[in-house]
Amino acid sequence: MKFSDSLKKMKDFQKVYKSGKSRANRLLVMYVLENGTELNRVGISVSKKVGNSVVRHHVTRLIRESYRLHEDEFDRGLDIVIIARNPERSATYRETESALLHLGALHGIVRKTGNEVQK
């Protein structure tokens, strides 16, 4: 990811949970907090309620790839935490991508470009 880094430390996740704004849809929950830098930091959380290790890693890869392909459409200088909900376990890539962009639009952090997702 060229404009982003990963959130790795629990204290960083907790700061975003506590001070950030959250929006949700059927598949995902997204917390956003400004971080004062030029880079986005993205953290993905998938709990054991979603499924076993294989399912959780699959969901994580879907979310990460959806973000990576649309990373240039997101505003910069944000800490973003994305939490997968239980229905995400059976979601396709297109559904995940659409859910991610929908939440970005709800937060007002996605700029519209010519290559929007078709519904």
Protein backbone atom coordinates (compact mmCIF):
# COMPACT_ATOMS: atom_id res chain seq x y z
CA MET A 1 0.00 0.00 0.00
CA LYS A 2 1.64 3.18 -1.17
CA PHE A 3 -0.20 5.76 0.96
CA SER A 4 -0.88 3.64 4.01
CA ASP A 5 0.69 1.85 6.91
CA SER A 6 -0.74 -0.69 9.34
CA LEU A 7 -2.12 -0.13 12.80
CA LYS A 8 -0.49 -2.81 14.91
CA LYS A 9 -0.48 -1.79 18.56
CA MET A 10 -3.50 -2.29 20.78
CA LYS A 11 -3.12 1.23 22.22
CA ASP A 12 -3.50 2.67 18.71
CA PHE A 13 -6.65 0.60 18.13
CA GLN A 14 -8.02 1.70 21.53
CA LYS A 15 -7.35 5.37 20.73
CA VAL A 16 -9.32 5.08 17.48
CA TYR A 17 -12.16 3.20 19.22
CA LYS A 18 -12.36 5.79 21.99
CA SER A 19 -11.94 9.05 20.03
CA GLY A 20 -12.91 8.12 16.46
CA LYS A 21 -16.24 8.28 14.69
CA SER A 22 -17.91 5.02 13.74
CA ARG A 23 -20.26 4.02 10.96
CA ALA A 24 -21.56 0.55 10.16
CA ASN A 25 -23.34 -1.45 7.52
CA ARG A 26 -24.35 -5.10 7.30
CA LEU A 27 -20.81 -6.43 6.69
CA LEU A 28 -18.38 -3.98 8.28
CA VAL A 29 -17.89 -1.37 10.98
CA MET A 30 -15.43 1.47 10.31
CA TYR A 31 -13.86 3.79 12.88
CA VAL A 32 -12.00 6.88 11.61
CA LEU A 33 -9.74 9.31 13.48
CA GLU A 34 -7.41 11.97 12.10
CA ASN A 35 -3.76 11.20 12.87
CA GLY A 36 -2.00 14.43 11.81
CA THR A 37 0.33 12.82 9.25
CA GLU A 38 0.27 12.41 5.48
CA LEU A 39 -0.27 8.65 5.71
CA ASN A 40 -3.30 6.58 6.53
CA ARG A 41 -2.89 3.82 9.06
CA VAL A 42 -5.30 0.93 8.58
CA GLY A 43 -6.15 -1.77 11.11
CA ILE A 44 -8.39 -4.74 10.43
CA SER A 45 -10.10 -6.69 13.19
CA VAL A 46 -11.86 -10.01 12.67
CA SER A 47 -13.06 -11.76 15.82
CA LYS A 48 -13.43 -15.47 16.46
CA LYS A 49 -17.20 -15.02 16.17
CA VAL A 50 -16.74 -14.67 12.41
CA GLY A 51 -15.15 -18.09 12.02
CA ASN A 52 -12.06 -20.21 12.42
CA SER A 53 -8.54 -19.11 11.54
CA VAL A 54 -8.88 -19.88 7.84
CA VAL A 55 -12.11 -17.89 7.53
CA ARG A 56 -10.73 -14.94 9.54
CA HIS A 57 -7.61 -14.71 7.38
CA HIS A 58 -9.70 -14.93 4.21
CA VAL A 59 -11.91 -12.08 5.40
CA THR A 60 -8.84 -10.03 6.35
CA ARG A 61 -7.34 -10.53 2.89
CA LEU A 62 -10.61 -9.49 1.20
CA ILE A 63 -10.78 -6.28 3.22
CA ARG A 64 -7.09 -5.45 2.77
CA GLU A 65 -7.25 -6.00 -1.00
CA SER A 66 -10.43 -3.91 -1.29
CA TYR A 67 -8.71 -1.07 0.53
CA ARG A 68 -5.46 -1.45 -1.45
CA LEU A 69 -7.18 -1.16 -4.81
CA HIS A 70 -9.11 1.97 -3.75
CA GLU A 71 -6.48 3.50 -1.50
CA ASP A 72 -5.93 6.53 -3.75
CA GLU A 73 -9.63 7.43 -3.38
CA PHE A 74 -9.41 7.75 0.43
CA ASP A 75 -8.44 11.01 2.12
CA ARG A 76 -5.04 11.01 3.79
CA GLY A 77 -3.97 11.57 7.39
CA LEU A 78 -6.41 9.11 8.96
CA ASP A 79 -6.33 6.16 11.30
CA ILE A 80 -8.92 3.69 10.03
CA VAL A 81 -10.05 0.57 11.90
CA ILE A 82 -12.25 -1.85 9.97
CA ILE A 83 -14.13 -4.53 11.91
CA ALA A 84 -15.71 -7.48 10.11
CA ARG A 85 -19.19 -8.52 11.18
CA ASN A 86 -20.45 -12.10 11.11
CA PRO A 87 -22.18 -11.96 7.65
CA GLU A 88 -18.79 -11.02 6.14
CA ARG A 89 -17.74 -14.67 6.35
CA SER A 90 -19.88 -15.54 3.33
CA ALA A 91 -19.46 -12.25 1.43
CA THR A 92 -17.87 -12.08 -1.99
CA TYR A 93 -15.05 -9.72 -2.91
CA ARG A 94 -17.46 -7.36 -4.69
CA GLU A 95 -19.74 -7.20 -1.65
CA THR A 96 -16.77 -6.47 0.61
CA GLU A 97 -15.49 -3.79 -1.75
CA SER A 98 -18.91 -2.18 -1.98
CA ALA A 99 -19.34 -2.23 1.83
CA LEU A 100 -15.92 -0.62 2.34
CA LEU A 101 -16.58 2.17 -0.15
CA HIS A 102 -20.07 2.70 1.28
CA LEU A 103 -18.62 3.25 4.76
CA GLY A 104 -15.94 5.54 3.37
CA ALA A 105 -18.67 7.60 1.71
CA LEU A 106 -20.68 7.72 4.96
CA HIS A 107 -17.61 9.08 6.74
CA GLY A 108 -16.97 11.51 3.89
CA ILE A 109 -13.41 10.26 3.38
CA VAL A 110 -13.77 8.78 -0.14
CA ARG A 111 -13.35 10.94 -3.20
CA LYS A 112 -15.44 9.80 -6.16
CA THR A 113 -13.47 8.75 -9.22
CA GLY A 114 -14.33 7.31 -12.61
CA ASN A 115 -13.78 3.68 -11.55
CA GLU A 116 -16.60 3.29 -9.05
CA VAL A 117 -17.96 -0.10 -8.09
CA GLN A 118 -20.96 -1.25 -10.10
CA LYS A 119 -23.92 -2.51 -8.07
